[in-house]
Amino acid sequence: MLEEIGARIRDLREIAELSSEDAAKGIVIDPELLVRYESGEVNVPMGELSDIGTIKKLIEKTGFSFRRDMGQNFLINPSVCPKMA
């Protein structure tokens, strides 16, 4: 499970075209710790992943936007979630 979460974090970082150093700066952690998260070596604190302030900072820094073609339409279209449930 740790490896899957870490791989997903790495994939998202690479999609955003961020180096480990830049991504780590965005969430204010040591770049080496981010690499350890991505490798599944250490558990990622769920508070870090779900902190809305951290998420907003990363979105602003990267210029990321949610897109339907990336499967993120449930985040931008509120009518999708009830249909999924």
PDB file of N, CA and C in Angstrom:
ATOM      1  N   MET A   1       0.820  -1.196   0.000  1.00  0.00           N
ATOM      2  CA  MET A   1       0.000   0.000   0.000  1.00  0.00           C
ATOM      3  C   MET A   1       0.861   1.255   0.000  1.00  0.00           C
ATOM      4  N   LEU A   2       1.911   1.292   0.827  1.00  0.00           N
ATOM      5  CA  LEU A   2       2.781   2.460   0.863  1.00  0.00           C
ATOM      6  C   LEU A   2       3.415   2.722  -0.503  1.00  0.00           C
ATOM      7  N   GLU A   3       3.804   1.643  -1.179  1.00  0.00           N
ATOM      8  CA  GLU A   3       4.423   1.795  -2.488  1.00  0.00           C
ATOM      9  C   GLU A   3       3.437   2.376  -3.495  1.00  0.00           C
ATOM     10  N   GLU A   4       2.165   1.955  -3.405  1.00  0.00           N
ATOM     11  CA  GLU A   4       1.147   2.464  -4.325  1.00  0.00           C
ATOM     12  C   GLU A   4       0.898   3.952  -4.107  1.00  0.00           C
ATOM     13  N   ILE A   5       0.811   4.365  -2.854  1.00  0.00           N
ATOM     14  CA  ILE A   5       0.599   5.781  -2.551  1.00  0.00           C
ATOM     15  C   ILE A   5       1.795   6.593  -3.022  1.00  0.00           C
ATOM     16  N   GLY A   6       2.989   6.091  -2.710  1.00  0.00           N
ATOM     17  CA  GLY A   6       4.208   6.783  -3.132  1.00  0.00           C
ATOM     18  C   GLY A   6       4.313   6.897  -4.641  1.00  0.00           C
ATOM     19  N   ALA A   7       3.967   5.828  -5.346  1.00  0.00           N
ATOM     20  CA  ALA A   7       4.023   5.851  -6.812  1.00  0.00           C
ATOM     21  C   ALA A   7       3.035   6.862  -7.377  1.00  0.00           C
ATOM     22  N   ARG A   8       1.877   6.949  -6.761  1.00  0.00           N
ATOM     23  CA  ARG A   8       0.865   7.921  -7.214  1.00  0.00           C
ATOM     24  C   ARG A   8       1.347   9.356  -6.984  1.00  0.00           C
ATOM     25  N   ILE A   9       1.960   9.593  -5.842  1.00  0.00           N
ATOM     26  CA  ILE A   9       2.512  10.924  -5.559  1.00  0.00           C
ATOM     27  C   ILE A   9       3.584  11.267  -6.596  1.00  0.00           C
ATOM     28  N   ARG A  10       4.467  10.323  -6.865  1.00  0.00           N
ATOM     29  CA  ARG A  10       5.520  10.540  -7.857  1.00  0.00           C
ATOM     30  C   ARG A  10       4.920  10.803  -9.240  1.00  0.00           C
ATOM     31  N   ASP A  11       3.925  10.003  -9.621  1.00  0.00           N
ATOM     32  CA  ASP A  11       3.280  10.188 -10.929  1.00  0.00           C
ATOM     33  C   ASP A  11       2.670  11.582 -11.052  1.00  0.00           C
ATOM     34  N   LEU A  12       1.981  12.015 -10.016  1.00  0.00           N
ATOM     35  CA  LEU A  12       1.354  13.337 -10.044  1.00  0.00           C
ATOM     36  C   LEU A  12       2.405  14.446 -10.091  1.00  0.00           C
ATOM     37  N   ARG A  13       3.496  14.262  -9.366  1.00  0.00           N
ATOM     38  CA  ARG A  13       4.579  15.242  -9.390  1.00  0.00           C
ATOM     39  C   ARG A  13       5.176  15.330 -10.791  1.00  0.00           C
ATOM     40  N   GLU A  14       5.359  14.182 -11.426  1.00  0.00           N
ATOM     41  CA  GLU A  14       5.924  14.161 -12.775  1.00  0.00           C
ATOM     42  C   GLU A  14       4.959  14.747 -13.805  1.00  0.00           C
ATOM     43  N   ILE A  15       3.658  14.491 -13.644  1.00  0.00           N
ATOM     44  CA  ILE A  15       2.660  15.090 -14.534  1.00  0.00           C
ATOM     45  C   ILE A  15       2.716  16.611 -14.424  1.00  0.00           C
ATOM     46  N   ALA A  16       2.913  17.102 -13.214  1.00  0.00           N
ATOM     47  CA  ALA A  16       3.007  18.547 -12.986  1.00  0.00           C
ATOM     48  C   ALA A  16       4.371  19.098 -13.413  1.00  0.00           C
ATOM     49  N   GLU A  17       5.264  18.198 -13.849  1.00  0.00           N
ATOM     50  CA  GLU A  17       6.608  18.570 -14.290  1.00  0.00           C
ATOM     51  C   GLU A  17       7.391  19.291 -13.191  1.00  0.00           C
ATOM     52  N   LEU A  18       7.305  18.733 -11.983  1.00  0.00           N
ATOM     53  CA  LEU A  18       8.023  19.279 -10.838  1.00  0.00           C
ATOM     54  C   LEU A  18       9.156  18.342 -10.452  1.00  0.00           C
ATOM     55  N   SER A  19      10.291  18.916 -10.103  1.00  0.00           N
ATOM     56  CA  SER A  19      11.372  18.110  -9.541  1.00  0.00           C
ATOM     57  C   SER A  19      10.996  17.780  -8.094  1.00  0.00           C
ATOM     58  N   SER A  20      11.691  16.818  -7.525  1.00  0.00           N
ATOM     59  CA  SER A  20      11.455  16.481  -6.116  1.00  0.00           C
ATOM     60  C   SER A  20      11.713  17.699  -5.239  1.00  0.00           C
ATOM     61  N   GLU A  21      12.759  18.449  -5.581  1.00  0.00           N
ATOM     62  CA  GLU A  21      13.118  19.626  -4.793  1.00  0.00           C
ATOM     63  C   GLU A  21      12.012  20.676  -4.835  1.00  0.00           C
ATOM     64  N   ASP A  22      11.484  20.967  -6.040  1.00  0.00           N
ATOM     65  CA  ASP A  22      10.431  21.979  -6.162  1.00  0.00           C
ATOM     66  C   ASP A  22       9.146  21.543  -5.463  1.00  0.00           C
ATOM     67  N   ALA A  23       8.786  20.276  -5.632  1.00  0.00           N
ATOM     68  CA  ALA A  23       7.570  19.779  -4.977  1.00  0.00           C
ATOM     69  C   ALA A  23       7.725  19.820  -3.460  1.00  0.00           C
ATOM     70  N   ALA A  24       8.892  19.446  -2.982  1.00  0.00           N
ATOM     71  CA  ALA A  24       9.137  19.457  -1.530  1.00  0.00           C
ATOM     72  C   ALA A  24       9.058  20.875  -0.973  1.00  0.00           C
ATOM     73  N   LYS A  25       9.593  21.839  -1.715  1.00  0.00           N
ATOM     74  CA  LYS A  25       9.496  23.241  -1.277  1.00  0.00           C
ATOM     75  C   LYS A  25       8.039  23.662  -1.183  1.00  0.00           C
ATOM     76  N   GLY A  26       7.229  23.209  -2.139  1.00  0.00           N
ATOM     77  CA  GLY A  26       5.816  23.588  -2.162  1.00  0.00           C
ATOM     78  C   GLY A  26       5.041  23.111  -0.963  1.00  0.00           C
ATOM     79  N   ILE A  27       5.431  21.974  -0.416  1.00  0.00           N
ATOM     80  CA  ILE A  27       4.725  21.452   0.756  1.00  0.00           C
ATOM     81  C   ILE A  27       5.573  21.549   2.021  1.00  0.00           C
ATOM     82  N   VAL A  28       6.684  22.254   1.912  1.00  0.00           N
ATOM     83  CA  VAL A  28       7.568  22.566   3.040  1.00  0.00           C
ATOM     84  C   VAL A  28       8.026  21.304   3.777  1.00  0.00           C
ATOM     85  N   ILE A  29       8.628  20.393   3.009  1.00  0.00           N
ATOM     86  CA  ILE A  29       9.279  19.233   3.625  1.00  0.00           C
ATOM     87  C   ILE A  29      10.650  19.076   2.981  1.00  0.00           C
ATOM     88  N   ASP A  30      11.481  18.282   3.592  1.00  0.00           N
ATOM     89  CA  ASP A  30      12.809  18.000   3.071  1.00  0.00           C
ATOM     90  C   ASP A  30      12.664  17.177   1.779  1.00  0.00           C
ATOM     91  N   PRO A  31      13.388  17.540   0.709  1.00  0.00           N
ATOM     92  CA  PRO A  31      13.298  16.771  -0.536  1.00  0.00           C
ATOM     93  C   PRO A  31      13.610  15.290  -0.355  1.00  0.00           C
ATOM     94  N   GLU A  32      14.533  14.973   0.551  1.00  0.00           N
ATOM     95  CA  GLU A  32      14.860  13.562   0.802  1.00  0.00           C
ATOM     96  C   GLU A  32      13.668  12.817   1.395  1.00  0.00           C
ATOM     97  N   LEU A  33      12.881  13.504   2.222  1.00  0.00           N
ATOM     98  CA  LEU A  33      11.693  12.881   2.794  1.00  0.00           C
ATOM     99  C   LEU A  33      10.661  12.611   1.703  1.00  0.00           C
ATOM    100  N   LEU A  34      10.507  13.538   0.768  1.00  0.00           N
ATOM    101  CA  LEU A  34       9.580  13.319  -0.342  1.00  0.00           C
ATOM    102  C   LEU A  34       9.994  12.089  -1.147  1.00  0.00           C
ATOM    103  N   VAL A  35      11.273  11.937  -1.408  1.00  0.00           N
ATOM    104  CA  VAL A  35      11.769  10.762  -2.137  1.00  0.00           C
ATOM    105  C   VAL A  35      11.455   9.488  -1.356  1.00  0.00           C
ATOM    106  N   ARG A  36      11.570   9.546  -0.033  1.00  0.00           N
ATOM    107  CA  ARG A  36      11.252   8.380   0.792  1.00  0.00           C
ATOM    108  C   ARG A  36       9.758   8.071   0.751  1.00  0.00           C
ATOM    109  N   TYR A  37       8.917   9.121   0.723  1.00  0.00           N
ATOM    110  CA  TYR A  37       7.472   8.914   0.562  1.00  0.00           C
ATOM    111  C   TYR A  37       7.193   8.234  -0.770  1.00  0.00           C
ATOM    112  N   GLU A  38       7.793   8.768  -1.833  1.00  0.00           N
ATOM    113  CA  GLU A  38       7.545   8.257  -3.180  1.00  0.00           C
ATOM    114  C   GLU A  38       8.004   6.810  -3.351  1.00  0.00           C
ATOM    115  N   SER A  39       9.038   6.432  -2.647  1.00  0.00           N
ATOM    116  CA  SER A  39       9.552   5.059  -2.755  1.00  0.00           C
ATOM    117  C   SER A  39       8.771   4.081  -1.885  1.00  0.00           C
ATOM    118  N   GLY A  40       7.914   4.611  -1.001  1.00  0.00           N
ATOM    119  CA  GLY A  40       7.169   3.749  -0.089  1.00  0.00           C
ATOM    120  C   GLY A  40       7.974   3.348   1.125  1.00  0.00           C
ATOM    121  N   GLU A  41       9.125   3.980   1.295  1.00  0.00           N
ATOM    122  CA  GLU A  41      10.001   3.659   2.420  1.00  0.00           C
ATOM    123  C   GLU A  41       9.401   4.095   3.755  1.00  0.00           C
ATOM    124  N   VAL A  42       8.697   5.227   3.752  1.00  0.00           N
ATOM    125  CA  VAL A  42       8.047   5.711   4.965  1.00  0.00           C
ATOM    126  C   VAL A  42       6.596   6.049   4.678  1.00  0.00           C
ATOM    127  N   ASN A  43       5.788   5.991   5.705  1.00  0.00           N
ATOM    128  CA  ASN A  43       4.361   6.270   5.586  1.00  0.00           C
ATOM    129  C   ASN A  43       4.126   7.767   5.394  1.00  0.00           C
ATOM    130  N   VAL A  44       3.272   8.110   4.451  1.00  0.00           N
ATOM    131  CA  VAL A  44       2.903   9.506   4.218  1.00  0.00           C
ATOM    132  C   VAL A  44       1.818   9.873   5.218  1.00  0.00           C
ATOM    133  N   PRO A  45       2.042  10.919   6.023  1.00  0.00           N
ATOM    134  CA  PRO A  45       0.993  11.328   6.958  1.00  0.00           C
ATOM    135  C   PRO A  45      -0.231  11.820   6.191  1.00  0.00           C
ATOM    136  N   MET A  46      -1.366  11.214   6.413  1.00  0.00           N
ATOM    137  CA  MET A  46      -2.571  11.574   5.668  1.00  0.00           C
ATOM    138  C   MET A  46      -2.950  13.039   5.864  1.00  0.00           C
ATOM    139  N   GLY A  47      -2.590  13.612   6.992  1.00  0.00           N
ATOM    140  CA  GLY A  47      -2.846  15.031   7.215  1.00  0.00           C
ATOM    141  C   GLY A  47      -2.140  15.900   6.186  1.00  0.00           C
ATOM    142  N   GLU A  48      -0.959  15.468   5.762  1.00  0.00           N
ATOM    143  CA  GLU A  48      -0.217  16.205   4.732  1.00  0.00           C
ATOM    144  C   GLU A  48      -0.942  16.152   3.389  1.00  0.00           C
ATOM    145  N   LEU A  49      -1.508  14.989   3.077  1.00  0.00           N
ATOM    146  CA  LEU A  49      -2.176  14.827   1.784  1.00  0.00           C
ATOM    147  C   LEU A  49      -3.517  15.538   1.726  1.00  0.00           C
ATOM    148  N   SER A  50      -4.175  15.663   2.861  1.00  0.00           N
ATOM    149  CA  SER A  50      -5.529  16.203   2.847  1.00  0.00           C
ATOM    150  C   SER A  50      -5.631  17.642   3.353  1.00  0.00           C
ATOM    151  N   ASP A  51      -4.509  18.245   3.704  1.00  0.00           N
ATOM    152  CA  ASP A  51      -4.539  19.622   4.198  1.00  0.00           C
ATOM    153  C   ASP A  51      -4.883  20.573   3.050  1.00  0.00           C
ATOM    154  N   ILE A  52      -6.025  21.215   3.129  1.00  0.00           N
ATOM    155  CA  ILE A  52      -6.511  22.059   2.037  1.00  0.00           C
ATOM    156  C   ILE A  52      -5.558  23.222   1.763  1.00  0.00           C
ATOM    157  N   GLY A  53      -4.916  23.752   2.791  1.00  0.00           N
ATOM    158  CA  GLY A  53      -3.957  24.840   2.599  1.00  0.00           C
ATOM    159  C   GLY A  53      -2.772  24.389   1.753  1.00  0.00           C
ATOM    160  N   THR A  54      -2.270  23.202   2.041  1.00  0.00           N
ATOM    161  CA  THR A  54      -1.160  22.642   1.270  1.00  0.00           C
ATOM    162  C   THR A  54      -1.584  22.399  -0.171  1.00  0.00           C
ATOM    163  N   ILE A  55      -2.772  21.849  -0.353  1.00  0.00           N
ATOM    164  CA  ILE A  55      -3.275  21.568  -1.692  1.00  0.00           C
ATOM    165  C   ILE A  55      -3.415  22.859  -2.496  1.00  0.00           C
ATOM    166  N   LYS A  56      -3.966  23.885  -1.884  1.00  0.00           N
ATOM    167  CA  LYS A  56      -4.139  25.165  -2.584  1.00  0.00           C
ATOM    168  C   LYS A  56      -2.793  25.781  -2.966  1.00  0.00           C
ATOM    169  N   LYS A  57      -1.803  25.694  -2.073  1.00  0.00           N
ATOM    170  CA  LYS A  57      -0.473  26.222  -2.375  1.00  0.00           C
ATOM    171  C   LYS A  57       0.125  25.524  -3.592  1.00  0.00           C
ATOM    172  N   LEU A  58       0.009  24.197  -3.609  1.00  0.00           N
ATOM    173  CA  LEU A  58       0.562  23.439  -4.737  1.00  0.00           C
ATOM    174  C   LEU A  58      -0.151  23.773  -6.040  1.00  0.00           C
ATOM    175  N   ILE A  59      -1.460  23.913  -5.990  1.00  0.00           N
ATOM    176  CA  ILE A  59      -2.222  24.255  -7.187  1.00  0.00           C
ATOM    177  C   ILE A  59      -1.799  25.620  -7.711  1.00  0.00           C
ATOM    178  N   GLU A  60      -1.648  26.586  -6.812  1.00  0.00           N
ATOM    179  CA  GLU A  60      -1.226  27.924  -7.220  1.00  0.00           C
ATOM    180  C   GLU A  60       0.181  27.925  -7.792  1.00  0.00           C
ATOM    181  N   LYS A  61       1.102  27.219  -7.151  1.00  0.00           N
ATOM    182  CA  LYS A  61       2.491  27.209  -7.592  1.00  0.00           C
ATOM    183  C   LYS A  61       2.669  26.516  -8.938  1.00  0.00           C
ATOM    184  N   THR A  62       1.878  25.478  -9.185  1.00  0.00           N
ATOM    185  CA  THR A  62       2.065  24.698 -10.410  1.00  0.00           C
ATOM    186  C   THR A  62       1.156  25.131 -11.541  1.00  0.00           C
ATOM    187  N   GLY A  63       0.129  25.927 -11.233  1.00  0.00           N
ATOM    188  CA  GLY A  63      -0.829  26.300 -12.267  1.00  0.00           C
ATOM    189  C   GLY A  63      -1.719  25.136 -12.666  1.00  0.00           C
ATOM    190  N   PHE A  64      -1.796  24.131 -11.815  1.00  0.00           N
ATOM    191  CA  PHE A  64      -2.594  22.932 -12.077  1.00  0.00           C
ATOM    192  C   PHE A  64      -4.072  23.280 -12.160  1.00  0.00           C
ATOM    193  N   SER A  65      -4.773  22.608 -13.046  1.00  0.00           N
ATOM    194  CA  SER A  65      -6.229  22.736 -13.082  1.00  0.00           C
ATOM    195  C   SER A  65      -6.828  21.353 -13.305  1.00  0.00           C
ATOM    196  N   PHE A  66      -7.976  21.131 -12.716  1.00  0.00           N
ATOM    197  CA  PHE A  66      -8.645  19.842 -12.853  1.00  0.00           C
ATOM    198  C   PHE A  66      -9.212  19.727 -14.261  1.00  0.00           C
ATOM    199  N   ARG A  67      -9.073  18.515 -14.837  1.00  0.00           N
ATOM    200  CA  ARG A  67      -9.497  18.322 -16.223  1.00  0.00           C
ATOM    201  C   ARG A  67     -10.294  17.030 -16.363  1.00  0.00           C
ATOM    202  N   ARG A  68     -11.288  17.119 -17.207  1.00  0.00           N
ATOM    203  CA  ARG A  68     -12.125  15.955 -17.485  1.00  0.00           C
ATOM    204  C   ARG A  68     -11.298  14.817 -18.095  1.00  0.00           C
ATOM    205  N   ASP A  69     -10.369  15.141 -19.010  1.00  0.00           N
ATOM    206  CA  ASP A  69      -9.591  14.097 -19.681  1.00  0.00           C
ATOM    207  C   ASP A  69      -8.617  13.387 -18.738  1.00  0.00           C
ATOM    208  N   MET A  70      -8.390  13.957 -17.563  1.00  0.00           N
ATOM    209  CA  MET A  70      -7.544  13.312 -16.561  1.00  0.00           C
ATOM    210  C   MET A  70      -8.399  12.554 -15.538  1.00  0.00           C
ATOM    211  N   GLY A  71      -9.706  12.460 -15.802  1.00  0.00           N
ATOM    212  CA  GLY A  71     -10.599  11.743 -14.905  1.00  0.00           C
ATOM    213  C   GLY A  71     -10.962  12.524 -13.669  1.00  0.00           C
ATOM    214  N   GLN A  72     -10.817  13.831 -13.730  1.00  0.00           N
ATOM    215  CA  GLN A  72     -11.055  14.663 -12.561  1.00  0.00           C
ATOM    216  C   GLN A  72     -12.369  15.422 -12.656  1.00  0.00           C
ATOM    217  N   ASN A  73     -13.250  15.003 -13.562  1.00  0.00           N
ATOM    218  CA  ASN A  73     -14.508  15.719 -13.728  1.00  0.00           C
ATOM    219  C   ASN A  73     -15.366  15.702 -12.466  1.00  0.00           C
ATOM    220  N   PHE A  74     -15.181  14.693 -11.605  1.00  0.00           N
ATOM    221  CA  PHE A  74     -15.962  14.666 -10.359  1.00  0.00           C
ATOM    222  C   PHE A  74     -15.554  15.807  -9.428  1.00  0.00           C
ATOM    223  N   LEU A  75     -14.377  16.384  -9.644  1.00  0.00           N
ATOM    224  CA  LEU A  75     -13.928  17.496  -8.816  1.00  0.00           C
ATOM    225  C   LEU A  75     -14.437  18.845  -9.315  1.00  0.00           C
ATOM    226  N   ILE A  76     -14.803  18.911 -10.595  1.00  0.00           N
ATOM    227  CA  ILE A  76     -15.243  20.194 -11.145  1.00  0.00           C
ATOM    228  C   ILE A  76     -16.728  20.211 -11.475  1.00  0.00           C
ATOM    229  N   ASN A  77     -17.363  19.039 -11.486  1.00  0.00           N
ATOM    230  CA  ASN A  77     -18.781  18.955 -11.790  1.00  0.00           C
ATOM    231  C   ASN A  77     -19.493  18.296 -10.615  1.00  0.00           C
ATOM    232  N   PRO A  78     -20.172  19.085  -9.787  1.00  0.00           N
ATOM    233  CA  PRO A  78     -20.777  18.532  -8.573  1.00  0.00           C
ATOM    234  C   PRO A  78     -21.858  17.485  -8.821  1.00  0.00           C
ATOM    235  N   SER A  79     -22.376  17.382 -10.031  1.00  0.00           N
ATOM    236  CA  SER A  79     -23.429  16.396 -10.285  1.00  0.00           C
ATOM    237  C   SER A  79     -22.875  14.992 -10.509  1.00  0.00           C
ATOM    238  N   VAL A  80     -21.557  14.857 -10.666  1.00  0.00           N
ATOM    239  CA  VAL A  80     -20.967  13.552 -10.967  1.00  0.00           C
ATOM    240  C   VAL A  80     -20.917  12.654  -9.733  1.00  0.00           C
ATOM    241  N   CYS A  81     -20.553  13.207  -8.565  1.00  0.00           N
ATOM    242  CA  CYS A  81     -20.409  12.364  -7.358  1.00  0.00           C
ATOM    243  C   CYS A  81     -21.690  11.607  -7.001  1.00  0.00           C
ATOM    244  N   PRO A  82     -22.858  12.243  -6.996  1.00  0.00           N
ATOM    245  CA  PRO A  82     -24.061  11.465  -6.670  1.00  0.00           C
ATOM    246  C   PRO A  82     -24.329  10.350  -7.667  1.00  0.00           C
ATOM    247  N   LYS A  83     -23.933  10.522  -8.898  1.00  0.00           N
ATOM    248  CA  LYS A  83     -24.123   9.480  -9.900  1.00  0.00           C
ATOM    249  C   LYS A  83     -23.175   8.315  -9.665  1.00  0.00           C
ATOM    250  N   MET A  84     -22.004   8.601  -9.062  1.00  0.00           N
ATOM    251  CA  MET A  84     -21.014   7.553  -8.786  1.00  0.00           C
ATOM    252  C   MET A  84     -21.431   6.691  -7.594  1.00  0.00           C
ATOM    253  N   ALA A  85     -22.166   7.297  -6.660  1.00  0.00           N
ATOM    254  CA  ALA A  85     -22.517   6.600  -5.421  1.00  0.00           C
ATOM    255  C   ALA A  85     -23.628   5.597  -5.596  1.00  0.00           C
TER     256      ALA A  85
END
